[in-house]
Amino acid sequence: MTDITGPQAVANSSPELFGDRRPTTIIGETVLNSRDVLRVSIGSFQGRATIDARKFYLRDDGSLNPASKGLTLALHRLPMLADLLNDALARARADRLLPDGERQ
């Protein structure tokens, strides 16, 4: 995974989509292909803290817009998600689906 941004706070560009105007902190983004980016952020929805991993697509004008494809969970579930993803990574490496230590 290629990190193209570090943590940063941004104003919620779609308050009606996210339910409030609290700032969203972008943890990082990675390019998936010529038109899509995966963004991981911490924000809020209807007053609850959330973690969001969402696909964004590049518009013709160069702006990134959120796609409907993504995962939003209550932030208190982040440790469980991290454990599951680490287990999946270890299994993929054990099954030789990914080389040891490689980030793509």
PDB file of N, CA and C in Angstrom:
ATOM      1  N   MET A   1       0.851  -1.159   0.000  1.00  0.00           N
ATOM      2  CA  MET A   1       0.000   0.000   0.000  1.00  0.00           C
ATOM      3  C   MET A   1       0.895   1.219   0.000  1.00  0.00           C
ATOM      4  N   THR A   2       0.640   2.160  -0.854  1.00  0.00           N
ATOM      5  CA  THR A   2       1.395   3.388  -0.939  1.00  0.00           C
ATOM      6  C   THR A   2       0.614   4.487  -0.240  1.00  0.00           C
ATOM      7  N   ASP A   3       1.179   5.001   0.844  1.00  0.00           N
ATOM      8  CA  ASP A   3       0.534   6.068   1.593  1.00  0.00           C
ATOM      9  C   ASP A   3       0.752   7.372   0.859  1.00  0.00           C
ATOM     10  N   ILE A   4      -0.315   8.036   0.460  1.00  0.00           N
ATOM     11  CA  ILE A   4      -0.149   9.287  -0.274  1.00  0.00           C
ATOM     12  C   ILE A   4      -0.487  10.502   0.574  1.00  0.00           C
ATOM     13  N   THR A   5      -0.997  10.279   1.790  1.00  0.00           N
ATOM     14  CA  THR A   5      -1.220  11.403   2.691  1.00  0.00           C
ATOM     15  C   THR A   5      -0.978  10.941   4.109  1.00  0.00           C
ATOM     16  N   GLY A   6      -0.641  11.866   4.957  1.00  0.00           N
ATOM     17  CA  GLY A   6      -0.549  11.599   6.383  1.00  0.00           C
ATOM     18  C   GLY A   6      -1.819  12.067   7.049  1.00  0.00           C
ATOM     19  N   PRO A   7      -1.899  11.899   8.380  1.00  0.00           N
ATOM     20  CA  PRO A   7      -3.096  12.344   9.084  1.00  0.00           C
ATOM     21  C   PRO A   7      -3.334  13.842   8.890  1.00  0.00           C
ATOM     22  N   GLN A   8      -4.574  14.185   8.619  1.00  0.00           N
ATOM     23  CA  GLN A   8      -4.941  15.588   8.469  1.00  0.00           C
ATOM     24  C   GLN A   8      -6.423  15.739   8.752  1.00  0.00           C
ATOM     25  N   ALA A   9      -6.786  16.897   9.251  1.00  0.00           N
ATOM     26  CA  ALA A   9      -8.203  17.176   9.501  1.00  0.00           C
ATOM     27  C   ALA A   9      -8.765  17.944   8.321  1.00  0.00           C
ATOM     28  N   VAL A  10      -9.951  17.561   7.890  1.00  0.00           N
ATOM     29  CA  VAL A  10     -10.620  18.267   6.812  1.00  0.00           C
ATOM     30  C   VAL A  10     -12.066  18.504   7.222  1.00  0.00           C
ATOM     31  N   ALA A  11     -12.645  19.554   6.689  1.00  0.00           N
ATOM     32  CA  ALA A  11     -14.061  19.806   6.940  1.00  0.00           C
ATOM     33  C   ALA A  11     -14.874  18.748   6.216  1.00  0.00           C
ATOM     34  N   ASN A  12     -15.944  18.323   6.848  1.00  0.00           N
ATOM     35  CA  ASN A  12     -16.812  17.330   6.243  1.00  0.00           C
ATOM     36  C   ASN A  12     -17.467  17.945   5.013  1.00  0.00           C
ATOM     37  N   SER A  13     -17.146  17.423   3.830  1.00  0.00           N
ATOM     38  CA  SER A  13     -17.652  18.021   2.604  1.00  0.00           C
ATOM     39  C   SER A  13     -19.113  17.683   2.340  1.00  0.00           C
ATOM     40  N   SER A  14     -19.644  16.672   2.998  1.00  0.00           N
ATOM     41  CA  SER A  14     -21.038  16.272   2.795  1.00  0.00           C
ATOM     42  C   SER A  14     -21.724  16.073   4.138  1.00  0.00           C
ATOM     43  N   PRO A  15     -22.055  17.141   4.863  1.00  0.00           N
ATOM     44  CA  PRO A  15     -22.658  16.963   6.186  1.00  0.00           C
ATOM     45  C   PRO A  15     -23.951  16.167   6.137  1.00  0.00           C
ATOM     46  N   GLU A  16     -24.714  16.271   5.045  1.00  0.00           N
ATOM     47  CA  GLU A  16     -25.955  15.493   4.970  1.00  0.00           C
ATOM     48  C   GLU A  16     -25.662  14.006   4.849  1.00  0.00           C
ATOM     49  N   LEU A  17     -24.521  13.643   4.291  1.00  0.00           N
ATOM     50  CA  LEU A  17     -24.136  12.239   4.177  1.00  0.00           C
ATOM     51  C   LEU A  17     -23.640  11.707   5.511  1.00  0.00           C
ATOM     52  N   PHE A  18     -22.866  12.507   6.252  1.00  0.00           N
ATOM     53  CA  PHE A  18     -22.242  12.049   7.485  1.00  0.00           C
ATOM     54  C   PHE A  18     -23.016  12.447   8.728  1.00  0.00           C
ATOM     55  N   GLY A  19     -23.999  13.318   8.612  1.00  0.00           N
ATOM     56  CA  GLY A  19     -24.883  13.597   9.722  1.00  0.00           C
ATOM     57  C   GLY A  19     -24.470  14.743  10.623  1.00  0.00           C
ATOM     58  N   ASP A  20     -23.298  15.332  10.440  1.00  0.00           N
ATOM     59  CA  ASP A  20     -22.895  16.466  11.253  1.00  0.00           C
ATOM     60  C   ASP A  20     -21.759  17.201  10.561  1.00  0.00           C
ATOM     61  N   ARG A  21     -21.236  18.228  11.219  1.00  0.00           N
ATOM     62  CA  ARG A  21     -20.186  19.040  10.612  1.00  0.00           C
ATOM     63  C   ARG A  21     -18.864  18.913  11.353  1.00  0.00           C
ATOM     64  N   ARG A  22     -18.676  17.907  12.165  1.00  0.00           N
ATOM     65  CA  ARG A  22     -17.404  17.736  12.855  1.00  0.00           C
ATOM     66  C   ARG A  22     -16.309  17.427  11.852  1.00  0.00           C
ATOM     67  N   PRO A  23     -15.091  17.883  12.142  1.00  0.00           N
ATOM     68  CA  PRO A  23     -13.993  17.590  11.217  1.00  0.00           C
ATOM     69  C   PRO A  23     -13.718  16.094  11.116  1.00  0.00           C
ATOM     70  N   THR A  24     -13.317  15.684   9.936  1.00  0.00           N
ATOM     71  CA  THR A  24     -12.897  14.310   9.692  1.00  0.00           C
ATOM     72  C   THR A  24     -11.382  14.308   9.611  1.00  0.00           C
ATOM     73  N   THR A  25     -10.749  13.346  10.271  1.00  0.00           N
ATOM     74  CA  THR A  25      -9.298  13.209  10.201  1.00  0.00           C
ATOM     75  C   THR A  25      -8.969  12.110   9.215  1.00  0.00           C
ATOM     76  N   ILE A  26      -8.291  12.476   8.132  1.00  0.00           N
ATOM     77  CA  ILE A  26      -7.859  11.480   7.151  1.00  0.00           C
ATOM     78  C   ILE A  26      -6.586  10.843   7.680  1.00  0.00           C
ATOM     79  N   ILE A  27      -6.630   9.542   7.894  1.00  0.00           N
ATOM     80  CA  ILE A  27      -5.475   8.813   8.390  1.00  0.00           C
ATOM     81  C   ILE A  27      -4.503   8.546   7.250  1.00  0.00           C
ATOM     82  N   GLY A  28      -5.030   8.197   6.089  1.00  0.00           N
ATOM     83  CA  GLY A  28      -4.188   7.966   4.928  1.00  0.00           C
ATOM     84  C   GLY A  28      -5.010   7.570   3.725  1.00  0.00           C
ATOM     85  N   GLU A  29      -4.360   7.619   2.578  1.00  0.00           N
ATOM     86  CA  GLU A  29      -4.974   7.235   1.308  1.00  0.00           C
ATOM     87  C   GLU A  29      -3.968   6.415   0.524  1.00  0.00           C
ATOM     88  N   THR A  30      -4.480   5.535  -0.314  1.00  0.00           N
ATOM     89  CA  THR A  30      -3.625   4.787  -1.217  1.00  0.00           C
ATOM     90  C   THR A  30      -4.309   4.687  -2.577  1.00  0.00           C
ATOM     91  N   VAL A  31      -3.525   4.806  -3.621  1.00  0.00           N
ATOM     92  CA  VAL A  31      -4.051   4.720  -4.979  1.00  0.00           C
ATOM     93  C   VAL A  31      -4.353   3.264  -5.310  1.00  0.00           C
ATOM     94  N   LEU A  32      -5.566   3.010  -5.770  1.00  0.00           N
ATOM     95  CA  LEU A  32      -5.961   1.663  -6.165  1.00  0.00           C
ATOM     96  C   LEU A  32      -5.759   1.429  -7.658  1.00  0.00           C
ATOM     97  N   ASN A  33      -6.072   2.452  -8.442  1.00  0.00           N
ATOM     98  CA  ASN A  33      -5.891   2.411  -9.894  1.00  0.00           C
ATOM     99  C   ASN A  33      -5.915   3.848 -10.403  1.00  0.00           C
ATOM    100  N   SER A  34      -6.017   4.035 -11.703  1.00  0.00           N
ATOM    101  CA  SER A  34      -5.922   5.386 -12.264  1.00  0.00           C
ATOM    102  C   SER A  34      -7.070   6.303 -11.857  1.00  0.00           C
ATOM    103  N   ARG A  35      -8.178   5.768 -11.372  1.00  0.00           N
ATOM    104  CA  ARG A  35      -9.328   6.614 -11.030  1.00  0.00           C
ATOM    105  C   ARG A  35      -9.802   6.464  -9.588  1.00  0.00           C
ATOM    106  N   ASP A  36      -9.284   5.486  -8.850  1.00  0.00           N
ATOM    107  CA  ASP A  36      -9.806   5.209  -7.514  1.00  0.00           C
ATOM    108  C   ASP A  36      -8.728   5.305  -6.441  1.00  0.00           C
ATOM    109  N   VAL A  37      -9.162   5.778  -5.266  1.00  0.00           N
ATOM    110  CA  VAL A  37      -8.312   5.914  -4.091  1.00  0.00           C
ATOM    111  C   VAL A  37      -9.051   5.278  -2.919  1.00  0.00           C
ATOM    112  N   LEU A  38      -8.326   4.585  -2.049  1.00  0.00           N
ATOM    113  CA  LEU A  38      -8.891   4.087  -0.796  1.00  0.00           C
ATOM    114  C   LEU A  38      -8.470   5.056   0.296  1.00  0.00           C
ATOM    115  N   ARG A  39      -9.449   5.591   1.023  1.00  0.00           N
ATOM    116  CA  ARG A  39      -9.181   6.540   2.107  1.00  0.00           C
ATOM    117  C   ARG A  39      -9.658   5.949   3.423  1.00  0.00           C
ATOM    118  N   VAL A  40      -8.805   6.033   4.446  1.00  0.00           N
ATOM    119  CA  VAL A  40      -9.168   5.635   5.805  1.00  0.00           C
ATOM    120  C   VAL A  40      -9.229   6.910   6.627  1.00  0.00           C
ATOM    121  N   SER A  41     -10.340   7.090   7.332  1.00  0.00           N
ATOM    122  CA  SER A  41     -10.515   8.313   8.121  1.00  0.00           C
ATOM    123  C   SER A  41     -11.260   8.012   9.414  1.00  0.00           C
ATOM    124  N   ILE A  42     -11.087   8.935  10.353  1.00  0.00           N
ATOM    125  CA  ILE A  42     -11.830   8.904  11.608  1.00  0.00           C
ATOM    126  C   ILE A  42     -12.710  10.136  11.605  1.00  0.00           C
ATOM    127  N   GLY A  43     -13.979   9.947  11.913  1.00  0.00           N
ATOM    128  CA  GLY A  43     -14.918  11.064  11.902  1.00  0.00           C
ATOM    129  C   GLY A  43     -16.091  10.779  12.814  1.00  0.00           C
ATOM    130  N   SER A  44     -17.249  11.232  12.395  1.00  0.00           N
ATOM    131  CA  SER A  44     -18.450  10.987  13.189  1.00  0.00           C
ATOM    132  C   SER A  44     -19.652  10.869  12.278  1.00  0.00           C
ATOM    133  N   PHE A  45     -20.638  10.156  12.766  1.00  0.00           N
ATOM    134  CA  PHE A  45     -21.914   9.996  12.072  1.00  0.00           C
ATOM    135  C   PHE A  45     -22.995  10.076  13.130  1.00  0.00           C
ATOM    136  N   GLN A  46     -23.903  11.019  12.971  1.00  0.00           N
ATOM    137  CA  GLN A  46     -25.012  11.221  13.909  1.00  0.00           C
ATOM    138  C   GLN A  46     -24.509  11.297  15.351  1.00  0.00           C
ATOM    139  N   GLY A  47     -23.387  12.030  15.531  1.00  0.00           N
ATOM    140  CA  GLY A  47     -22.867  12.252  16.872  1.00  0.00           C
ATOM    141  C   GLY A  47     -22.007  11.133  17.434  1.00  0.00           C
ATOM    142  N   ARG A  48     -21.795  10.059  16.687  1.00  0.00           N
ATOM    143  CA  ARG A  48     -20.978   8.939  17.159  1.00  0.00           C
ATOM    144  C   ARG A  48     -19.647   8.912  16.421  1.00  0.00           C
ATOM    145  N   ALA A  49     -18.572   8.644  17.151  1.00  0.00           N
ATOM    146  CA  ALA A  49     -17.250   8.534  16.535  1.00  0.00           C
ATOM    147  C   ALA A  49     -17.201   7.292  15.650  1.00  0.00           C
ATOM    148  N   THR A  50     -16.606   7.436  14.454  1.00  0.00           N
ATOM    149  CA  THR A  50     -16.562   6.336  13.489  1.00  0.00           C
ATOM    150  C   THR A  50     -15.171   6.192  12.875  1.00  0.00           C
ATOM    151  N   ILE A  51     -14.924   5.005  12.345  1.00  0.00           N
ATOM    152  CA  ILE A  51     -13.786   4.710  11.486  1.00  0.00           C
ATOM    153  C   ILE A  51     -14.381   4.379  10.126  1.00  0.00           C
ATOM    154  N   ASP A  52     -13.784   4.931   9.075  1.00  0.00           N
ATOM    155  CA  ASP A  52     -14.335   4.750   7.737  1.00  0.00           C
ATOM    156  C   ASP A  52     -13.215   4.368   6.782  1.00  0.00           C
ATOM    157  N   ALA A  53     -13.400   3.303   6.025  1.00  0.00           N
ATOM    158  CA  ALA A  53     -12.509   2.917   4.931  1.00  0.00           C
ATOM    159  C   ALA A  53     -13.373   2.945   3.680  1.00  0.00           C
ATOM    160  N   ARG A  54     -13.117   3.915   2.795  1.00  0.00           N
ATOM    161  CA  ARG A  54     -14.019   4.144   1.674  1.00  0.00           C
ATOM    162  C   ARG A  54     -13.256   4.361   0.381  1.00  0.00           C
ATOM    163  N   LYS A  55     -13.836   3.852  -0.697  1.00  0.00           N
ATOM    164  CA  LYS A  55     -13.299   4.103  -2.028  1.00  0.00           C
ATOM    165  C   LYS A  55     -13.767   5.482  -2.471  1.00  0.00           C
ATOM    166  N   PHE A  56     -12.837   6.246  -3.025  1.00  0.00           N
ATOM    167  CA  PHE A  56     -13.140   7.535  -3.622  1.00  0.00           C
ATOM    168  C   PHE A  56     -12.788   7.446  -5.094  1.00  0.00           C
ATOM    169  N   TYR A  57     -13.520   8.168  -5.922  1.00  0.00           N
ATOM    170  CA  TYR A  57     -13.239   8.151  -7.353  1.00  0.00           C
ATOM    171  C   TYR A  57     -12.878   9.555  -7.820  1.00  0.00           C
ATOM    172  N   LEU A  58     -12.005   9.596  -8.812  1.00  0.00           N
ATOM    173  CA  LEU A  58     -11.541  10.855  -9.374  1.00  0.00           C
ATOM    174  C   LEU A  58     -12.511  11.324 -10.447  1.00  0.00           C
ATOM    175  N   ARG A  59     -13.036  12.527 -10.267  1.00  0.00           N
ATOM    176  CA  ARG A  59     -13.931  13.118 -11.272  1.00  0.00           C
ATOM    177  C   ARG A  59     -13.102  13.774 -12.361  1.00  0.00           C
ATOM    178  N   ASP A  60     -13.754  14.071 -13.464  1.00  0.00           N
ATOM    179  CA  ASP A  60     -13.067  14.710 -14.588  1.00  0.00           C
ATOM    180  C   ASP A  60     -12.451  16.057 -14.210  1.00  0.00           C
ATOM    181  N   ASP A  61     -13.036  16.741 -13.216  1.00  0.00           N
ATOM    182  CA  ASP A  61     -12.488  18.035 -12.794  1.00  0.00           C
ATOM    183  C   ASP A  61     -11.330  17.887 -11.806  1.00  0.00           C
ATOM    184  N   GLY A  62     -10.948  16.638 -11.483  1.00  0.00           N
ATOM    185  CA  GLY A  62      -9.811  16.383 -10.602  1.00  0.00           C
ATOM    186  C   GLY A  62     -10.167  16.218  -9.141  1.00  0.00           C
ATOM    187  N   SER A  63     -11.434  16.420  -8.783  1.00  0.00           N
ATOM    188  CA  SER A  63     -11.838  16.268  -7.384  1.00  0.00           C
ATOM    189  C   SER A  63     -12.105  14.795  -7.057  1.00  0.00           C
ATOM    190  N   LEU A  64     -11.930  14.453  -5.788  1.00  0.00           N
ATOM    191  CA  LEU A  64     -12.237  13.107  -5.301  1.00  0.00           C
ATOM    192  C   LEU A  64     -13.613  13.125  -4.656  1.00  0.00           C
ATOM    193  N   ASN A  65     -14.446  12.172  -5.025  1.00  0.00           N
ATOM    194  CA  ASN A  65     -15.780  12.039  -4.449  1.00  0.00           C
ATOM    195  C   ASN A  65     -15.937  10.663  -3.833  1.00  0.00           C
ATOM    196  N   PRO A  66     -16.627  10.568  -2.687  1.00  0.00           N
ATOM    197  CA  PRO A  66     -16.813   9.271  -2.058  1.00  0.00           C
ATOM    198  C   PRO A  66     -17.755   8.377  -2.860  1.00  0.00           C
ATOM    199  N   ALA A  67     -17.392   7.122  -2.961  1.00  0.00           N
ATOM    200  CA  ALA A  67     -18.263   6.119  -3.583  1.00  0.00           C
ATOM    201  C   ALA A  67     -19.106   5.470  -2.493  1.00  0.00           C
ATOM    202  N   SER A  68     -20.104   4.730  -2.893  1.00  0.00           N
ATOM    203  CA  SER A  68     -20.927   4.024  -1.903  1.00  0.00           C
ATOM    204  C   SER A  68     -20.189   2.813  -1.335  1.00  0.00           C
ATOM    205  N   LYS A  69     -19.109   2.396  -2.012  1.00  0.00           N
ATOM    206  CA  LYS A  69     -18.357   1.230  -1.555  1.00  0.00           C
ATOM    207  C   LYS A  69     -17.430   1.622  -0.421  1.00  0.00           C
ATOM    208  N   GLY A  70     -17.666   1.028   0.735  1.00  0.00           N
ATOM    209  CA  GLY A  70     -16.831   1.323   1.884  1.00  0.00           C
ATOM    210  C   GLY A  70     -17.383   0.677   3.129  1.00  0.00           C
ATOM    211  N   LEU A  71     -16.674   0.887   4.215  1.00  0.00           N
ATOM    212  CA  LEU A  71     -17.049   0.313   5.503  1.00  0.00           C
ATOM    213  C   LEU A  71     -16.954   1.408   6.549  1.00  0.00           C
ATOM    214  N   THR A  72     -18.034   1.619   7.287  1.00  0.00           N
ATOM    215  CA  THR A  72     -18.043   2.563   8.394  1.00  0.00           C
ATOM    216  C   THR A  72     -18.482   1.806   9.640  1.00  0.00           C
ATOM    217  N   LEU A  73     -17.649   1.900  10.674  1.00  0.00           N
ATOM    218  CA  LEU A  73     -17.946   1.234  11.941  1.00  0.00           C
ATOM    219  C   LEU A  73     -17.821   2.221  13.085  1.00  0.00           C
ATOM    220  N   ALA A  74     -18.521   1.941  14.191  1.00  0.00           N
ATOM    221  CA  ALA A  74     -18.317   2.719  15.411  1.00  0.00           C
ATOM    222  C   ALA A  74     -16.847   2.597  15.799  1.00  0.00           C
ATOM    223  N   LEU A  75     -16.257   3.710  16.212  1.00  0.00           N
ATOM    224  CA  LEU A  75     -14.826   3.742  16.507  1.00  0.00           C
ATOM    225  C   LEU A  75     -14.428   2.741  17.589  1.00  0.00           C
ATOM    226  N   HIS A  76     -15.317   2.447  18.520  1.00  0.00           N
ATOM    227  CA  HIS A  76     -14.974   1.493  19.577  1.00  0.00           C
ATOM    228  C   HIS A  76     -14.734   0.085  19.021  1.00  0.00           C
ATOM    229  N   ARG A  77     -15.126  -0.170  17.773  1.00  0.00           N
ATOM    230  CA  ARG A  77     -14.886  -1.465  17.134  1.00  0.00           C
ATOM    231  C   ARG A  77     -13.539  -1.530  16.406  1.00  0.00           C
ATOM    232  N   LEU A  78     -12.792  -0.430  16.385  1.00  0.00           N
ATOM    233  CA  LEU A  78     -11.504  -0.400  15.686  1.00  0.00           C
ATOM    234  C   LEU A  78     -10.521  -1.456  16.185  1.00  0.00           C
ATOM    235  N   PRO A  79     -10.351  -1.685  17.484  1.00  0.00           N
ATOM    236  CA  PRO A  79      -9.421  -2.740  17.915  1.00  0.00           C
ATOM    237  C   PRO A  79      -9.807  -4.123  17.373  1.00  0.00           C
ATOM    238  N   MET A  80     -11.106  -4.435  17.349  1.00  0.00           N
ATOM    239  CA  MET A  80     -11.569  -5.711  16.805  1.00  0.00           C
ATOM    240  C   MET A  80     -11.259  -5.806  15.317  1.00  0.00           C
ATOM    241  N   LEU A  81     -11.502  -4.721  14.572  1.00  0.00           N
ATOM    242  CA  LEU A  81     -11.214  -4.708  13.141  1.00  0.00           C
ATOM    243  C   LEU A  81      -9.719  -4.863  12.894  1.00  0.00           C
ATOM    244  N   ALA A  82      -8.905  -4.160  13.662  1.00  0.00           N
ATOM    245  CA  ALA A  82      -7.449  -4.265  13.513  1.00  0.00           C
ATOM    246  C   ALA A  82      -6.978  -5.691  13.786  1.00  0.00           C
ATOM    247  N   ASP A  83      -7.523  -6.323  14.812  1.00  0.00           N
ATOM    248  CA  ASP A  83      -7.158  -7.722  15.110  1.00  0.00           C
ATOM    249  C   ASP A  83      -7.535  -8.643  13.958  1.00  0.00           C
ATOM    250  N   LEU A  84      -8.736  -8.478  13.417  1.00  0.00           N
ATOM    251  CA  LEU A  84      -9.173  -9.319  12.303  1.00  0.00           C
ATOM    252  C   LEU A  84      -8.308  -9.107  11.065  1.00  0.00           C
ATOM    253  N   LEU A  85      -7.977  -7.857  10.768  1.00  0.00           N
ATOM    254  CA  LEU A  85      -7.122  -7.576   9.609  1.00  0.00           C
ATOM    255  C   LEU A  85      -5.712  -8.127   9.812  1.00  0.00           C
ATOM    256  N   ASN A  86      -5.179  -8.013  11.024  1.00  0.00           N
ATOM    257  CA  ASN A  86      -3.864  -8.601  11.308  1.00  0.00           C
ATOM    258  C   ASN A  86      -3.899 -10.114  11.182  1.00  0.00           C
ATOM    259  N   ASP A  87      -4.976 -10.750  11.635  1.00  0.00           N
ATOM    260  CA  ASP A  87      -5.133 -12.204  11.471  1.00  0.00           C
ATOM    261  C   ASP A  87      -5.197 -12.574   9.990  1.00  0.00           C
ATOM    262  N   ALA A  88      -5.922 -11.787   9.201  1.00  0.00           N
ATOM    263  CA  ALA A  88      -6.021 -12.050   7.761  1.00  0.00           C
ATOM    264  C   ALA A  88      -4.659 -11.891   7.094  1.00  0.00           C
ATOM    265  N   LEU A  89      -3.893 -10.886   7.496  1.00  0.00           N
ATOM    266  CA  LEU A  89      -2.561 -10.672   6.947  1.00  0.00           C
ATOM    267  C   LEU A  89      -1.634 -11.830   7.287  1.00  0.00           C
ATOM    268  N   ALA A  90      -1.669 -12.267   8.534  1.00  0.00           N
ATOM    269  CA  ALA A  90      -0.831 -13.401   8.938  1.00  0.00           C
ATOM    270  C   ALA A  90      -1.221 -14.661   8.174  1.00  0.00           C
ATOM    271  N   ARG A  91      -2.509 -14.890   7.989  1.00  0.00           N
ATOM    272  CA  ARG A  91      -2.958 -16.077   7.256  1.00  0.00           C
ATOM    273  C   ARG A  91      -2.536 -16.011   5.794  1.00  0.00           C
ATOM    274  N   ALA A  92      -2.679 -14.838   5.162  1.00  0.00           N
ATOM    275  CA  ALA A  92      -2.275 -14.677   3.760  1.00  0.00           C
ATOM    276  C   ALA A  92      -0.779 -14.917   3.604  1.00  0.00           C
ATOM    277  N   ARG A  93       0.013 -14.452   4.563  1.00  0.00           N
ATOM    278  CA  ARG A  93       1.462 -14.706   4.502  1.00  0.00           C
ATOM    279  C   ARG A  93       1.772 -16.176   4.752  1.00  0.00           C
ATOM    280  N   ALA A  94       1.081 -16.794   5.707  1.00  0.00           N
ATOM    281  CA  ALA A  94       1.302 -18.215   5.999  1.00  0.00           C
ATOM    282  C   ALA A  94       0.941 -19.078   4.798  1.00  0.00           C
ATOM    283  N   ASP A  95      -0.074 -18.679   4.067  1.00  0.00           N
ATOM    284  CA  ASP A  95      -0.504 -19.411   2.868  1.00  0.00           C
ATOM    285  C   ASP A  95       0.290 -18.989   1.631  1.00  0.00           C
ATOM    286  N   ARG A  96       1.303 -18.154   1.838  1.00  0.00           N
ATOM    287  CA  ARG A  96       2.189 -17.655   0.776  1.00  0.00           C
ATOM    288  C   ARG A  96       1.431 -16.878  -0.312  1.00  0.00           C
ATOM    289  N   LEU A  97       0.373 -16.219   0.106  1.00  0.00           N
ATOM    290  CA  LEU A  97      -0.367 -15.358  -0.814  1.00  0.00           C
ATOM    291  C   LEU A  97       0.289 -13.979  -0.900  1.00  0.00           C
ATOM    292  N   LEU A  98       1.041 -13.621   0.135  1.00  0.00           N
ATOM    293  CA  LEU A  98       1.800 -12.367   0.176  1.00  0.00           C
ATOM    294  C   LEU A  98       3.202 -12.668   0.706  1.00  0.00           C
ATOM    295  N   PRO A  99       4.207 -12.030   0.163  1.00  0.00           N
ATOM    296  CA  PRO A  99       5.554 -12.194   0.723  1.00  0.00           C
ATOM    297  C   PRO A  99       5.635 -11.579   2.120  1.00  0.00           C
ATOM    298  N   ASP A 100       6.518 -12.087   2.965  1.00  0.00           N
ATOM    299  CA  ASP A 100       6.714 -11.524   4.318  1.00  0.00           C
ATOM    300  C   ASP A 100       7.120 -10.067   4.233  1.00  0.00           C
ATOM    301  N   GLY A 101       6.507  -9.229   5.054  1.00  0.00           N
ATOM    302  CA  GLY A 101       6.898  -7.855   5.181  1.00  0.00           C
ATOM    303  C   GLY A 101       6.483  -6.934   4.047  1.00  0.00           C
ATOM    304  N   GLU A 102       5.815  -7.407   3.029  1.00  0.00           N
ATOM    305  CA  GLU A 102       5.481  -6.557   1.876  1.00  0.00           C
ATOM    306  C   GLU A 102       4.193  -5.799   2.131  1.00  0.00           C
ATOM    307  N   ARG A 103       4.240  -4.491   1.850  1.00  0.00           N
ATOM    308  CA  ARG A 103       3.044  -3.626   1.878  1.00  0.00           C
ATOM    309  C   ARG A 103       2.730  -3.241   0.461  1.00  0.00           C
ATOM    310  N   GLN A 104       1.524  -3.480   0.009  1.00  0.00           N
ATOM    311  CA  GLN A 104       1.141  -3.119  -1.360  1.00  0.00           C
ATOM    312  C   GLN A 104       0.011  -2.141  -1.342  1.00  0.00           C
TER     313      GLN A 104
END
